[in-house]
Amino acid sequence: MTQHNLTPKQEQLGKALELTQQFEQKLQELDHFSEAFVQKYKREGIFNSFKEKINLGWQNQIPLEAKLILLGEVIYATERQDLTPKQARELEELLDLSKFIQDYSKIREQAILGELV
C-alpha cells in the first residue's frame, strides 16, 4: 500500500506508531544515561569512603598489615568495577606503601602478574 492509498485513520495510526517508537528509543537512552549517572556517583561514594578510611588510618598510625588489607579491598572493588583504575591508583598512592616496602614497584608487579617481567 502506498502513502496515497491510506485512510486518514491509517495515517494517524502510522504517525502514532512512529511517535511511540521514538518515545521508546528516548526512554532507552534515558535509562542508559541514568545507569551511567548512578554508577558514576556510586563509584565516587565508594572512592570517598576509601579515601576517608585511609586518611583516618594515617591519623591513627595504621599498621602496614592493615594498609595491605585495605589495598586488597581497593583491588577487589576495582575488579568489581566499583572503582575505576584511576581511582584505585590514587588510593594506592595515598597508602604510600613504597615508604614501607623495599622495591615496591617490583613487588607490585609480581603481585599483579605473578612474576617479574
PDB file of N, CA and C in Angstrom:
ATOM      1  N   MET A   1       0.837  -1.172   0.000  1.00  0.00           N
ATOM      2  CA  MET A   1       0.000   0.000   0.000  1.00  0.00           C
ATOM      3  C   MET A   1       0.887   1.243   0.000  1.00  0.00           C
ATOM      4  N   THR A   2       0.607   2.179  -0.820  1.00  0.00           N
ATOM      5  CA  THR A   2       1.379   3.409  -0.849  1.00  0.00           C
ATOM      6  C   THR A   2       0.771   4.417   0.114  1.00  0.00           C
ATOM      7  N   GLN A   3       1.517   5.464   0.355  1.00  0.00           N
ATOM      8  CA  GLN A   3       1.079   6.520   1.275  1.00  0.00           C
ATOM      9  C   GLN A   3      -0.235   7.142   0.794  1.00  0.00           C
ATOM     10  N   HIS A   4      -0.444   7.213  -0.512  1.00  0.00           N
ATOM     11  CA  HIS A   4      -1.637   7.872  -1.061  1.00  0.00           C
ATOM     12  C   HIS A   4      -2.893   7.038  -0.862  1.00  0.00           C
ATOM     13  N   ASN A   5      -2.756   5.733  -0.687  1.00  0.00           N
ATOM     14  CA  ASN A   5      -3.913   4.859  -0.554  1.00  0.00           C
ATOM     15  C   ASN A   5      -4.359   4.696   0.898  1.00  0.00           C
ATOM     16  N   LEU A   6      -3.689   5.336   1.838  1.00  0.00           N
ATOM     17  CA  LEU A   6      -4.023   5.196   3.253  1.00  0.00           C
ATOM     18  C   LEU A   6      -5.205   6.087   3.610  1.00  0.00           C
ATOM     19  N   THR A   7      -6.028   5.573   4.496  1.00  0.00           N
ATOM     20  CA  THR A   7      -7.136   6.387   5.008  1.00  0.00           C
ATOM     21  C   THR A   7      -6.566   7.324   6.076  1.00  0.00           C
ATOM     22  N   PRO A   8      -7.277   8.368   6.410  1.00  0.00           N
ATOM     23  CA  PRO A   8      -6.803   9.268   7.460  1.00  0.00           C
ATOM     24  C   PRO A   8      -6.560   8.527   8.775  1.00  0.00           C
ATOM     25  N   LYS A   9      -7.395   7.551   9.080  1.00  0.00           N
ATOM     26  CA  LYS A   9      -7.231   6.786  10.319  1.00  0.00           C
ATOM     27  C   LYS A   9      -5.927   5.985  10.285  1.00  0.00           C
ATOM     28  N   GLN A  10      -5.615   5.391   9.125  1.00  0.00           N
ATOM     29  CA  GLN A  10      -4.383   4.618   8.979  1.00  0.00           C
ATOM     30  C   GLN A  10      -3.153   5.533   9.076  1.00  0.00           C
ATOM     31  N   GLU A  11      -3.275   6.729   8.526  1.00  0.00           N
ATOM     32  CA  GLU A  11      -2.172   7.694   8.619  1.00  0.00           C
ATOM     33  C   GLU A  11      -1.933   8.089  10.074  1.00  0.00           C
ATOM     34  N   GLN A  12      -3.010   8.308  10.809  1.00  0.00           N
ATOM     35  CA  GLN A  12      -2.892   8.654  12.233  1.00  0.00           C
ATOM     36  C   GLN A  12      -2.246   7.514  13.014  1.00  0.00           C
ATOM     37  N   LEU A  13      -2.665   6.297  12.715  1.00  0.00           N
ATOM     38  CA  LEU A  13      -2.082   5.131  13.386  1.00  0.00           C
ATOM     39  C   LEU A  13      -0.600   4.997  13.058  1.00  0.00           C
ATOM     40  N   GLY A  14      -0.240   5.259  11.829  1.00  0.00           N
ATOM     41  CA  GLY A  14       1.171   5.201  11.418  1.00  0.00           C
ATOM     42  C   GLY A  14       2.004   6.234  12.156  1.00  0.00           C
ATOM     43  N   LYS A  15       1.463   7.442  12.262  1.00  0.00           N
ATOM     44  CA  LYS A  15       2.169   8.501  12.988  1.00  0.00           C
ATOM     45  C   LYS A  15       2.277   8.166  14.470  1.00  0.00           C
ATOM     46  N   ALA A  16       1.201   7.615  15.030  1.00  0.00           N
ATOM     47  CA  ALA A  16       1.218   7.234  16.441  1.00  0.00           C
ATOM     48  C   ALA A  16       2.261   6.143  16.681  1.00  0.00           C
ATOM     49  N   LEU A  17       2.346   5.179  15.780  1.00  0.00           N
ATOM     50  CA  LEU A  17       3.339   4.116  15.900  1.00  0.00           C
ATOM     51  C   LEU A  17       4.750   4.689  15.827  1.00  0.00           C
ATOM     52  N   GLU A  18       4.968   5.604  14.902  1.00  0.00           N
ATOM     53  CA  GLU A  18       6.285   6.237  14.765  1.00  0.00           C
ATOM     54  C   GLU A  18       6.646   7.024  16.025  1.00  0.00           C
ATOM     55  N   LEU A  19       5.708   7.768  16.568  1.00  0.00           N
ATOM     56  CA  LEU A  19       5.957   8.528  17.797  1.00  0.00           C
ATOM     57  C   LEU A  19       6.221   7.593  18.975  1.00  0.00           C
ATOM     58  N   THR A  20       5.490   6.483  19.036  1.00  0.00           N
ATOM     59  CA  THR A  20       5.704   5.504  20.103  1.00  0.00           C
ATOM     60  C   THR A  20       7.107   4.918  20.017  1.00  0.00           C
ATOM     61  N   GLN A  21       7.556   4.601  18.817  1.00  0.00           N
ATOM     62  CA  GLN A  21       8.906   4.064  18.632  1.00  0.00           C
ATOM     63  C   GLN A  21       9.968   5.084  19.028  1.00  0.00           C
ATOM     64  N   GLN A  22       9.757   6.348  18.654  1.00  0.00           N
ATOM     65  CA  GLN A  22      10.690   7.406  19.045  1.00  0.00           C
ATOM     66  C   GLN A  22      10.711   7.567  20.561  1.00  0.00           C
ATOM     67  N   PHE A  23       9.539   7.494  21.170  1.00  0.00           N
ATOM     68  CA  PHE A  23       9.439   7.604  22.622  1.00  0.00           C
ATOM     69  C   PHE A  23      10.185   6.455  23.299  1.00  0.00           C
ATOM     70  N   GLU A  24      10.009   5.242  22.804  1.00  0.00           N
ATOM     71  CA  GLU A  24      10.704   4.077  23.356  1.00  0.00           C
ATOM     72  C   GLU A  24      12.221   4.243  23.245  1.00  0.00           C
ATOM     73  N   GLN A  25      12.680   4.760  22.113  1.00  0.00           N
ATOM     74  CA  GLN A  25      14.111   4.985  21.919  1.00  0.00           C
ATOM     75  C   GLN A  25      14.628   6.009  22.927  1.00  0.00           C
ATOM     76  N   LYS A  26      13.877   7.072  23.132  1.00  0.00           N
ATOM     77  CA  LYS A  26      14.293   8.103  24.099  1.00  0.00           C
ATOM     78  C   LYS A  26      14.315   7.534  25.518  1.00  0.00           C
ATOM     79  N   LEU A  27      13.342   6.680  25.850  1.00  0.00           N
ATOM     80  CA  LEU A  27      13.326   6.050  27.164  1.00  0.00           C
ATOM     81  C   LEU A  27      14.559   5.162  27.362  1.00  0.00           C
ATOM     82  N   GLN A  28      14.931   4.423  26.328  1.00  0.00           N
ATOM     83  CA  GLN A  28      16.127   3.580  26.414  1.00  0.00           C
ATOM     84  C   GLN A  28      17.374   4.435  26.612  1.00  0.00           C
ATOM     85  N   GLU A  29      17.463   5.549  25.889  1.00  0.00           N
ATOM     86  CA  GLU A  29      18.596   6.456  26.051  1.00  0.00           C
ATOM     87  C   GLU A  29      18.624   7.019  27.472  1.00  0.00           C
ATOM     88  N   LEU A  30      17.467   7.379  27.992  1.00  0.00           N
ATOM     89  CA  LEU A  30      17.375   7.903  29.354  1.00  0.00           C
ATOM     90  C   LEU A  30      17.779   6.839  30.377  1.00  0.00           C
ATOM     91  N   ASP A  31      17.342   5.598  30.178  1.00  0.00           N
ATOM     92  CA  ASP A  31      17.741   4.502  31.063  1.00  0.00           C
ATOM     93  C   ASP A  31      19.250   4.330  31.069  1.00  0.00           C
ATOM     94  N   HIS A  32      19.850   4.367  29.893  1.00  0.00           N
ATOM     95  CA  HIS A  32      21.305   4.221  29.793  1.00  0.00           C
ATOM     96  C   HIS A  32      22.011   5.360  30.519  1.00  0.00           C
ATOM     97  N   PHE A  33      21.522   6.579  30.293  1.00  0.00           N
ATOM     98  CA  PHE A  33      22.101   7.739  30.963  1.00  0.00           C
ATOM     99  C   PHE A  33      21.950   7.610  32.474  1.00  0.00           C
ATOM    100  N   SER A  34      20.767   7.202  32.930  1.00  0.00           N
ATOM    101  CA  SER A  34      20.515   7.058  34.369  1.00  0.00           C
ATOM    102  C   SER A  34      21.450   6.034  34.993  1.00  0.00           C
ATOM    103  N   GLU A  35      21.632   4.891  34.324  1.00  0.00           N
ATOM    104  CA  GLU A  35      22.527   3.863  34.844  1.00  0.00           C
ATOM    105  C   GLU A  35      23.959   4.386  34.943  1.00  0.00           C
ATOM    106  N   ALA A  36      24.406   5.096  33.915  1.00  0.00           N
ATOM    107  CA  ALA A  36      25.764   5.652  33.924  1.00  0.00           C
ATOM    108  C   ALA A  36      25.903   6.689  35.036  1.00  0.00           C
ATOM    109  N   PHE A  37      24.895   7.503  35.215  1.00  0.00           N
ATOM    110  CA  PHE A  37      24.890   8.534  36.253  1.00  0.00           C
ATOM    111  C   PHE A  37      24.978   7.892  37.633  1.00  0.00           C
ATOM    112  N   VAL A  38      24.149   6.891  37.877  1.00  0.00           N
ATOM    113  CA  VAL A  38      24.144   6.198  39.165  1.00  0.00           C
ATOM    114  C   VAL A  38      25.478   5.518  39.412  1.00  0.00           C
ATOM    115  N   GLN A  39      26.019   4.844  38.385  1.00  0.00           N
ATOM    116  CA  GLN A  39      27.304   4.149  38.526  1.00  0.00           C
ATOM    117  C   GLN A  39      28.422   5.138  38.849  1.00  0.00           C
ATOM    118  N   LYS A  40      28.413   6.289  38.185  1.00  0.00           N
ATOM    119  CA  LYS A  40      29.444   7.295  38.437  1.00  0.00           C
ATOM    120  C   LYS A  40      29.406   7.760  39.889  1.00  0.00           C
ATOM    121  N   TYR A  41      28.218   8.072  40.392  1.00  0.00           N
ATOM    122  CA  TYR A  41      28.121   8.572  41.758  1.00  0.00           C
ATOM    123  C   TYR A  41      28.320   7.463  42.790  1.00  0.00           C
ATOM    124  N   LYS A  42      27.973   6.252  42.424  1.00  0.00           N
ATOM    125  CA  LYS A  42      28.264   5.118  43.298  1.00  0.00           C
ATOM    126  C   LYS A  42      29.779   4.961  43.441  1.00  0.00           C
ATOM    127  N   ARG A  43      30.485   5.028  42.306  1.00  0.00           N
ATOM    128  CA  ARG A  43      31.950   4.927  42.340  1.00  0.00           C
ATOM    129  C   ARG A  43      32.557   6.049  43.175  1.00  0.00           C
ATOM    130  N   GLU A  44      32.052   7.254  42.980  1.00  0.00           N
ATOM    131  CA  GLU A  44      32.595   8.384  43.738  1.00  0.00           C
ATOM    132  C   GLU A  44      32.364   8.201  45.231  1.00  0.00           C
ATOM    133  N   GLY A  45      31.202   7.671  45.602  1.00  0.00           N
ATOM    134  CA  GLY A  45      30.911   7.425  47.007  1.00  0.00           C
ATOM    135  C   GLY A  45      31.844   6.377  47.597  1.00  0.00           C
ATOM    136  N   ILE A  46      32.071   5.308  46.860  1.00  0.00           N
ATOM    137  CA  ILE A  46      32.976   4.254  47.319  1.00  0.00           C
ATOM    138  C   ILE A  46      34.397   4.793  47.412  1.00  0.00           C
ATOM    139  N   PHE A  47      34.806   5.557  46.392  1.00  0.00           N
ATOM    140  CA  PHE A  47      36.139   6.159  46.394  1.00  0.00           C
ATOM    141  C   PHE A  47      36.322   7.053  47.619  1.00  0.00           C
ATOM    142  N   ASN A  48      35.340   7.914  47.876  1.00  0.00           N
ATOM    143  CA  ASN A  48      35.441   8.828  49.022  1.00  0.00           C
ATOM    144  C   ASN A  48      35.468   8.066  50.342  1.00  0.00           C
ATOM    145  N   SER A  49      34.738   6.973  50.412  1.00  0.00           N
ATOM    146  CA  SER A  49      34.741   6.151  51.619  1.00  0.00           C
ATOM    147  C   SER A  49      36.135   5.566  51.875  1.00  0.00           C
ATOM    148  N   PHE A  50      36.760   5.027  50.821  1.00  0.00           N
ATOM    149  CA  PHE A  50      38.125   4.503  50.955  1.00  0.00           C
ATOM    150  C   PHE A  50      39.098   5.614  51.345  1.00  0.00           C
ATOM    151  N   LYS A  51      38.943   6.757  50.715  1.00  0.00           N
ATOM    152  CA  LYS A  51      39.834   7.884  50.984  1.00  0.00           C
ATOM    153  C   LYS A  51      39.735   8.309  52.448  1.00  0.00           C
ATOM    154  N   GLU A  52      38.522   8.361  52.969  1.00  0.00           N
ATOM    155  CA  GLU A  52      38.321   8.716  54.375  1.00  0.00           C
ATOM    156  C   GLU A  52      38.974   7.685  55.295  1.00  0.00           C
ATOM    157  N   LYS A  53      38.807   6.393  54.962  1.00  0.00           N
ATOM    158  CA  LYS A  53      39.426   5.332  55.783  1.00  0.00           C
ATOM    159  C   LYS A  53      40.937   5.475  55.804  1.00  0.00           C
ATOM    160  N   ILE A  54      41.512   5.731  54.642  1.00  0.00           N
ATOM    161  CA  ILE A  54      42.970   5.850  54.548  1.00  0.00           C
ATOM    162  C   ILE A  54      43.449   7.061  55.344  1.00  0.00           C
ATOM    163  N   ASN A  55      42.786   8.194  55.179  1.00  0.00           N
ATOM    164  CA  ASN A  55      43.184   9.398  55.922  1.00  0.00           C
ATOM    165  C   ASN A  55      43.026   9.202  57.427  1.00  0.00           C
ATOM    166  N   LEU A  56      41.942   8.569  57.836  1.00  0.00           N
ATOM    167  CA  LEU A  56      41.737   8.280  59.247  1.00  0.00           C
ATOM    168  C   LEU A  56      42.814   7.308  59.750  1.00  0.00           C
ATOM    169  N   GLY A  57      43.149   6.345  58.914  1.00  0.00           N
ATOM    170  CA  GLY A  57      44.215   5.402  59.270  1.00  0.00           C
ATOM    171  C   GLY A  57      45.538   6.101  59.493  1.00  0.00           C
ATOM    172  N   TRP A  58      45.872   7.041  58.620  1.00  0.00           N
ATOM    173  CA  TRP A  58      47.120   7.789  58.787  1.00  0.00           C
ATOM    174  C   TRP A  58      47.102   8.557  60.115  1.00  0.00           C
ATOM    175  N   GLN A  59      45.963   9.140  60.444  1.00  0.00           N
ATOM    176  CA  GLN A  59      45.851   9.886  61.700  1.00  0.00           C
ATOM    177  C   GLN A  59      46.033   8.970  62.909  1.00  0.00           C
ATOM    178  N   ASN A  60      45.633   7.723  62.759  1.00  0.00           N
ATOM    179  CA  ASN A  60      45.691   6.773  63.864  1.00  0.00           C
ATOM    180  C   ASN A  60      46.855   5.792  63.741  1.00  0.00           C
ATOM    181  N   GLN A  61      47.844   6.166  62.935  1.00  0.00           N
ATOM    182  CA  GLN A  61      49.066   5.363  62.762  1.00  0.00           C
ATOM    183  C   GLN A  61      48.740   3.909  62.402  1.00  0.00           C
ATOM    184  N   ILE A  62      47.976   3.751  61.341  1.00  0.00           N
ATOM    185  CA  ILE A  62      47.562   2.430  60.865  1.00  0.00           C
ATOM    186  C   ILE A  62      48.794   1.577  60.548  1.00  0.00           C
ATOM    187  N   PRO A  63      48.828   0.329  61.001  1.00  0.00           N
ATOM    188  CA  PRO A  63      49.992  -0.513  60.742  1.00  0.00           C
ATOM    189  C   PRO A  63      50.037  -0.975  59.279  1.00  0.00           C
ATOM    190  N   LEU A  64      51.204  -1.381  58.847  1.00  0.00           N
ATOM    191  CA  LEU A  64      51.421  -1.822  57.472  1.00  0.00           C
ATOM    192  C   LEU A  64      50.458  -2.939  57.091  1.00  0.00           C
ATOM    193  N   GLU A  65      50.245  -3.886  57.975  1.00  0.00           N
ATOM    194  CA  GLU A  65      49.366  -5.013  57.674  1.00  0.00           C
ATOM    195  C   GLU A  65      47.955  -4.537  57.324  1.00  0.00           C
ATOM    196  N   ALA A  66      47.469  -3.544  58.054  1.00  0.00           N
ATOM    197  CA  ALA A  66      46.135  -3.003  57.782  1.00  0.00           C
ATOM    198  C   ALA A  66      46.115  -2.274  56.433  1.00  0.00           C
ATOM    199  N   LYS A  67      47.209  -1.598  56.103  1.00  0.00           N
ATOM    200  CA  LYS A  67      47.292  -0.924  54.795  1.00  0.00           C
ATOM    201  C   LYS A  67      47.240  -1.940  53.667  1.00  0.00           C
ATOM    202  N   LEU A  68      47.904  -3.083  53.868  1.00  0.00           N
ATOM    203  CA  LEU A  68      47.900  -4.119  52.834  1.00  0.00           C
ATOM    204  C   LEU A  68      46.499  -4.714  52.671  1.00  0.00           C
ATOM    205  N   ILE A  69      45.805  -4.891  53.773  1.00  0.00           N
ATOM    206  CA  ILE A  69      44.426  -5.379  53.700  1.00  0.00           C
ATOM    207  C   ILE A  69      43.549  -4.363  52.972  1.00  0.00           C
ATOM    208  N   LEU A  70      43.737  -3.089  53.297  1.00  0.00           N
ATOM    209  CA  LEU A  70      42.991  -2.024  52.622  1.00  0.00           C
ATOM    210  C   LEU A  70      43.283  -2.029  51.126  1.00  0.00           C
ATOM    211  N   LEU A  71      44.535  -2.219  50.762  1.00  0.00           N
ATOM    212  CA  LEU A  71      44.896  -2.282  49.343  1.00  0.00           C
ATOM    213  C   LEU A  71      44.182  -3.453  48.671  1.00  0.00           C
ATOM    214  N   GLY A  72      44.103  -4.583  49.357  1.00  0.00           N
ATOM    215  CA  GLY A  72      43.369  -5.727  48.818  1.00  0.00           C
ATOM    216  C   GLY A  72      41.904  -5.393  48.581  1.00  0.00           C
ATOM    217  N   GLU A  73      41.300  -4.653  49.504  1.00  0.00           N
ATOM    218  CA  GLU A  73      39.909  -4.230  49.339  1.00  0.00           C
ATOM    219  C   GLU A  73      39.760  -3.287  48.146  1.00  0.00           C
ATOM    220  N   VAL A  74      40.730  -2.401  47.956  1.00  0.00           N
ATOM    221  CA  VAL A  74      40.709  -1.479  46.816  1.00  0.00           C
ATOM    222  C   VAL A  74      40.786  -2.270  45.511  1.00  0.00           C
ATOM    223  N   ILE A  75      41.678  -3.239  45.470  1.00  0.00           N
ATOM    224  CA  ILE A  75      41.827  -4.059  44.262  1.00  0.00           C
ATOM    225  C   ILE A  75      40.541  -4.826  43.985  1.00  0.00           C
ATOM    226  N   TYR A  76      39.961  -5.398  45.028  1.00  0.00           N
ATOM    227  CA  TYR A  76      38.701  -6.132  44.863  1.00  0.00           C
ATOM    228  C   TYR A  76      37.596  -5.205  44.346  1.00  0.00           C
ATOM    229  N   ALA A  77      37.497  -4.011  44.902  1.00  0.00           N
ATOM    230  CA  ALA A  77      36.480  -3.051  44.453  1.00  0.00           C
ATOM    231  C   ALA A  77      36.706  -2.660  42.990  1.00  0.00           C
ATOM    232  N   THR A  78      37.966  -2.589  42.595  1.00  0.00           N
ATOM    233  CA  THR A  78      38.275  -2.244  41.208  1.00  0.00           C
ATOM    234  C   THR A  78      37.884  -3.384  40.278  1.00  0.00           C
ATOM    235  N   GLU A  79      38.151  -4.612  40.704  1.00  0.00           N
ATOM    236  CA  GLU A  79      37.761  -5.772  39.894  1.00  0.00           C
ATOM    237  C   GLU A  79      36.247  -5.840  39.727  1.00  0.00           C
ATOM    238  N   ARG A  80      35.511  -5.431  40.744  1.00  0.00           N
ATOM    239  CA  ARG A  80      34.043  -5.426  40.681  1.00  0.00           C
ATOM    240  C   ARG A  80      33.523  -4.208  39.926  1.00  0.00           C
ATOM    241  N   GLN A  81      34.428  -3.333  39.510  1.00  0.00           N
ATOM    242  CA  GLN A  81      34.124  -2.092  38.808  1.00  0.00           C
ATOM    243  C   GLN A  81      33.375  -1.102  39.688  1.00  0.00           C
ATOM    244  N   ASP A  82      33.605  -1.217  41.007  1.00  0.00           N
ATOM    245  CA  ASP A  82      33.075  -0.217  41.933  1.00  0.00           C
ATOM    246  C   ASP A  82      34.004   0.989  42.002  1.00  0.00           C
ATOM    247  N   LEU A  83      35.234   0.828  41.537  1.00  0.00           N
ATOM    248  CA  LEU A  83      36.217   1.907  41.417  1.00  0.00           C
ATOM    249  C   LEU A  83      36.820   1.840  40.022  1.00  0.00           C
ATOM    250  N   THR A  84      37.216   2.990  39.514  1.00  0.00           N
ATOM    251  CA  THR A  84      37.939   2.999  38.246  1.00  0.00           C
ATOM    252  C   THR A  84      39.413   2.697  38.532  1.00  0.00           C
ATOM    253  N   PRO A  85      40.150   2.226  37.538  1.00  0.00           N
ATOM    254  CA  PRO A  85      41.590   2.017  37.754  1.00  0.00           C
ATOM    255  C   PRO A  85      42.303   3.297  38.206  1.00  0.00           C
ATOM    256  N   LYS A  86      41.880   4.434  37.682  1.00  0.00           N
ATOM    257  CA  LYS A  86      42.484   5.713  38.084  1.00  0.00           C
ATOM    258  C   LYS A  86      42.241   5.977  39.569  1.00  0.00           C
ATOM    259  N   GLN A  87      41.027   5.727  40.031  1.00  0.00           N
ATOM    260  CA  GLN A  87      40.720   5.917  41.450  1.00  0.00           C
ATOM    261  C   GLN A  87      41.546   4.957  42.307  1.00  0.00           C
ATOM    262  N   ALA A  88      41.679   3.714  41.846  1.00  0.00           N
ATOM    263  CA  ALA A  88      42.448   2.716  42.596  1.00  0.00           C
ATOM    264  C   ALA A  88      43.908   3.145  42.724  1.00  0.00           C
ATOM    265  N   ARG A  89      44.480   3.665  41.638  1.00  0.00           N
ATOM    266  CA  ARG A  89      45.873   4.130  41.692  1.00  0.00           C
ATOM    267  C   ARG A  89      46.020   5.296  42.668  1.00  0.00           C
ATOM    268  N   GLU A  90      45.045   6.185  42.671  1.00  0.00           N
ATOM    269  CA  GLU A  90      45.098   7.325  43.592  1.00  0.00           C
ATOM    270  C   GLU A  90      45.049   6.840  45.046  1.00  0.00           C
ATOM    271  N   LEU A  91      44.186   5.879  45.319  1.00  0.00           N
ATOM    272  CA  LEU A  91      44.098   5.334  46.679  1.00  0.00           C
ATOM    273  C   LEU A  91      45.376   4.598  47.054  1.00  0.00           C
ATOM    274  N   GLU A  92      45.949   3.882  46.095  1.00  0.00           N
ATOM    275  CA  GLU A  92      47.211   3.176  46.343  1.00  0.00           C
ATOM    276  C   GLU A  92      48.316   4.175  46.697  1.00  0.00           C
ATOM    277  N   GLU A  93      48.331   5.290  45.996  1.00  0.00           N
ATOM    278  CA  GLU A  93      49.329   6.318  46.300  1.00  0.00           C
ATOM    279  C   GLU A  93      49.108   6.902  47.696  1.00  0.00           C
ATOM    280  N   LEU A  94      47.843   7.059  48.087  1.00  0.00           N
ATOM    281  CA  LEU A  94      47.548   7.580  49.433  1.00  0.00           C
ATOM    282  C   LEU A  94      48.058   6.628  50.519  1.00  0.00           C
ATOM    283  N   LEU A  95      48.035   5.336  50.237  1.00  0.00           N
ATOM    284  CA  LEU A  95      48.545   4.364  51.206  1.00  0.00           C
ATOM    285  C   LEU A  95      50.058   4.476  51.358  1.00  0.00           C
ATOM    286  N   ASP A  96      50.725   4.979  50.322  1.00  0.00           N
ATOM    287  CA  ASP A  96      52.173   5.216  50.334  1.00  0.00           C
ATOM    288  C   ASP A  96      52.963   3.984  50.799  1.00  0.00           C
ATOM    289  N   LEU A  97      52.650   2.849  50.199  1.00  0.00           N
ATOM    290  CA  LEU A  97      53.299   1.596  50.589  1.00  0.00           C
ATOM    291  C   LEU A  97      54.769   1.546  50.208  1.00  0.00           C
ATOM    292  N   SER A  98      55.161   2.345  49.209  1.00  0.00           N
ATOM    293  CA  SER A  98      56.572   2.344  48.816  1.00  0.00           C
ATOM    294  C   SER A  98      57.467   2.857  49.948  1.00  0.00           C
ATOM    295  N   LYS A  99      56.875   3.579  50.883  1.00  0.00           N
ATOM    296  CA  LYS A  99      57.612   4.071  52.042  1.00  0.00           C
ATOM    297  C   LYS A  99      58.009   2.913  52.966  1.00  0.00           C
ATOM    298  N   PHE A 100      57.219   1.835  52.930  1.00  0.00           N
ATOM    299  CA  PHE A 100      57.418   0.721  53.862  1.00  0.00           C
ATOM    300  C   PHE A 100      57.980  -0.543  53.218  1.00  0.00           C
ATOM    301  N   ILE A 101      57.827  -0.665  51.902  1.00  0.00           N
ATOM    302  CA  ILE A 101      58.226  -1.892  51.209  1.00  0.00           C
ATOM    303  C   ILE A 101      59.347  -1.572  50.237  1.00  0.00           C
ATOM    304  N   GLN A 102      60.475  -2.224  50.448  1.00  0.00           N
ATOM    305  CA  GLN A 102      61.618  -2.020  49.570  1.00  0.00           C
ATOM    306  C   GLN A 102      61.275  -2.589  48.192  1.00  0.00           C
ATOM    307  N   ASP A 103      61.654  -1.895  47.121  1.00  0.00           N
ATOM    308  CA  ASP A 103      61.370  -2.287  45.740  1.00  0.00           C
ATOM    309  C   ASP A 103      59.869  -2.503  45.512  1.00  0.00           C
ATOM    310  N   TYR A 104      59.091  -1.561  45.990  1.00  0.00           N
ATOM    311  CA  TYR A 104      57.638  -1.690  45.924  1.00  0.00           C
ATOM    312  C   TYR A 104      57.154  -1.932  44.497  1.00  0.00           C
ATOM    313  N   SER A 105      57.710  -1.228  43.518  1.00  0.00           N
ATOM    314  CA  SER A 105      57.229  -1.377  42.142  1.00  0.00           C
ATOM    315  C   SER A 105      57.429  -2.811  41.647  1.00  0.00           C
ATOM    316  N   LYS A 106      58.562  -3.438  42.018  1.00  0.00           N
ATOM    317  CA  LYS A 106      58.797  -4.830  41.606  1.00  0.00           C
ATOM    318  C   LYS A 106      57.856  -5.779  42.343  1.00  0.00           C
ATOM    319  N   ILE A 107      57.672  -5.544  43.621  1.00  0.00           N
ATOM    320  CA  ILE A 107      56.769  -6.376  44.420  1.00  0.00           C
ATOM    321  C   ILE A 107      55.348  -6.253  43.883  1.00  0.00           C
ATOM    322  N   ARG A 108      54.954  -5.034  43.551  1.00  0.00           N
ATOM    323  CA  ARG A 108      53.614  -4.787  42.987  1.00  0.00           C
ATOM    324  C   ARG A 108      53.449  -5.520  41.669  1.00  0.00           C
ATOM    325  N   GLU A 109      54.464  -5.433  40.817  1.00  0.00           N
ATOM    326  CA  GLU A 109      54.427  -6.107  39.512  1.00  0.00           C
ATOM    327  C   GLU A 109      54.262  -7.610  39.703  1.00  0.00           C
ATOM    328  N   GLN A 110      55.017  -8.185  40.637  1.00  0.00           N
ATOM    329  CA  GLN A 110      54.922  -9.615  40.868  1.00  0.00           C
ATOM    330  C   GLN A 110      53.555  -9.982  41.440  1.00  0.00           C
ATOM    331  N   ALA A 111      52.993  -9.146  42.274  1.00  0.00           N
ATOM    332  CA  ALA A 111      51.679  -9.405  42.842  1.00  0.00           C
ATOM    333  C   ALA A 111      50.600  -9.388  41.762  1.00  0.00           C
ATOM    334  N   ILE A 112      50.742  -8.496  40.801  1.00  0.00           N
ATOM    335  CA  ILE A 112      49.739  -8.362  39.738  1.00  0.00           C
ATOM    336  C   ILE A 112      49.916  -9.446  38.677  1.00  0.00           C
ATOM    337  N   LEU A 113      51.159  -9.677  38.246  1.00  0.00           N
ATOM    338  CA  LEU A 113      51.414 -10.605  37.135  1.00  0.00           C
ATOM    339  C   LEU A 113      51.802 -12.011  37.586  1.00  0.00           C
ATOM    340  N   GLY A 114      52.168 -12.155  38.838  1.00  0.00           N
ATOM    341  CA  GLY A 114      52.601 -13.471  39.318  1.00  0.00           C
ATOM    342  C   GLY A 114      54.085 -13.721  39.082  1.00  0.00           C
ATOM    343  N   GLU A 115      54.741 -12.815  38.391  1.00  0.00           N
ATOM    344  CA  GLU A 115      56.178 -12.948  38.130  1.00  0.00           C
ATOM    345  C   GLU A 115      56.742 -11.583  37.800  1.00  0.00           C
ATOM    346  N   LEU A 116      58.060 -11.484  37.874  1.00  0.00           N
ATOM    347  CA  LEU A 116      58.734 -10.252  37.477  1.00  0.00           C
ATOM    348  C   LEU A 116      58.981 -10.333  35.971  1.00  0.00           C
ATOM    349  N   VAL A 117      58.652  -9.270  35.286  1.00  0.00           N
ATOM    350  CA  VAL A 117      58.838  -9.243  33.830  1.00  0.00           C
ATOM    351  C   VAL A 117      60.107  -8.483  33.498  1.00  0.00           C
TER     352      VAL A 117
END
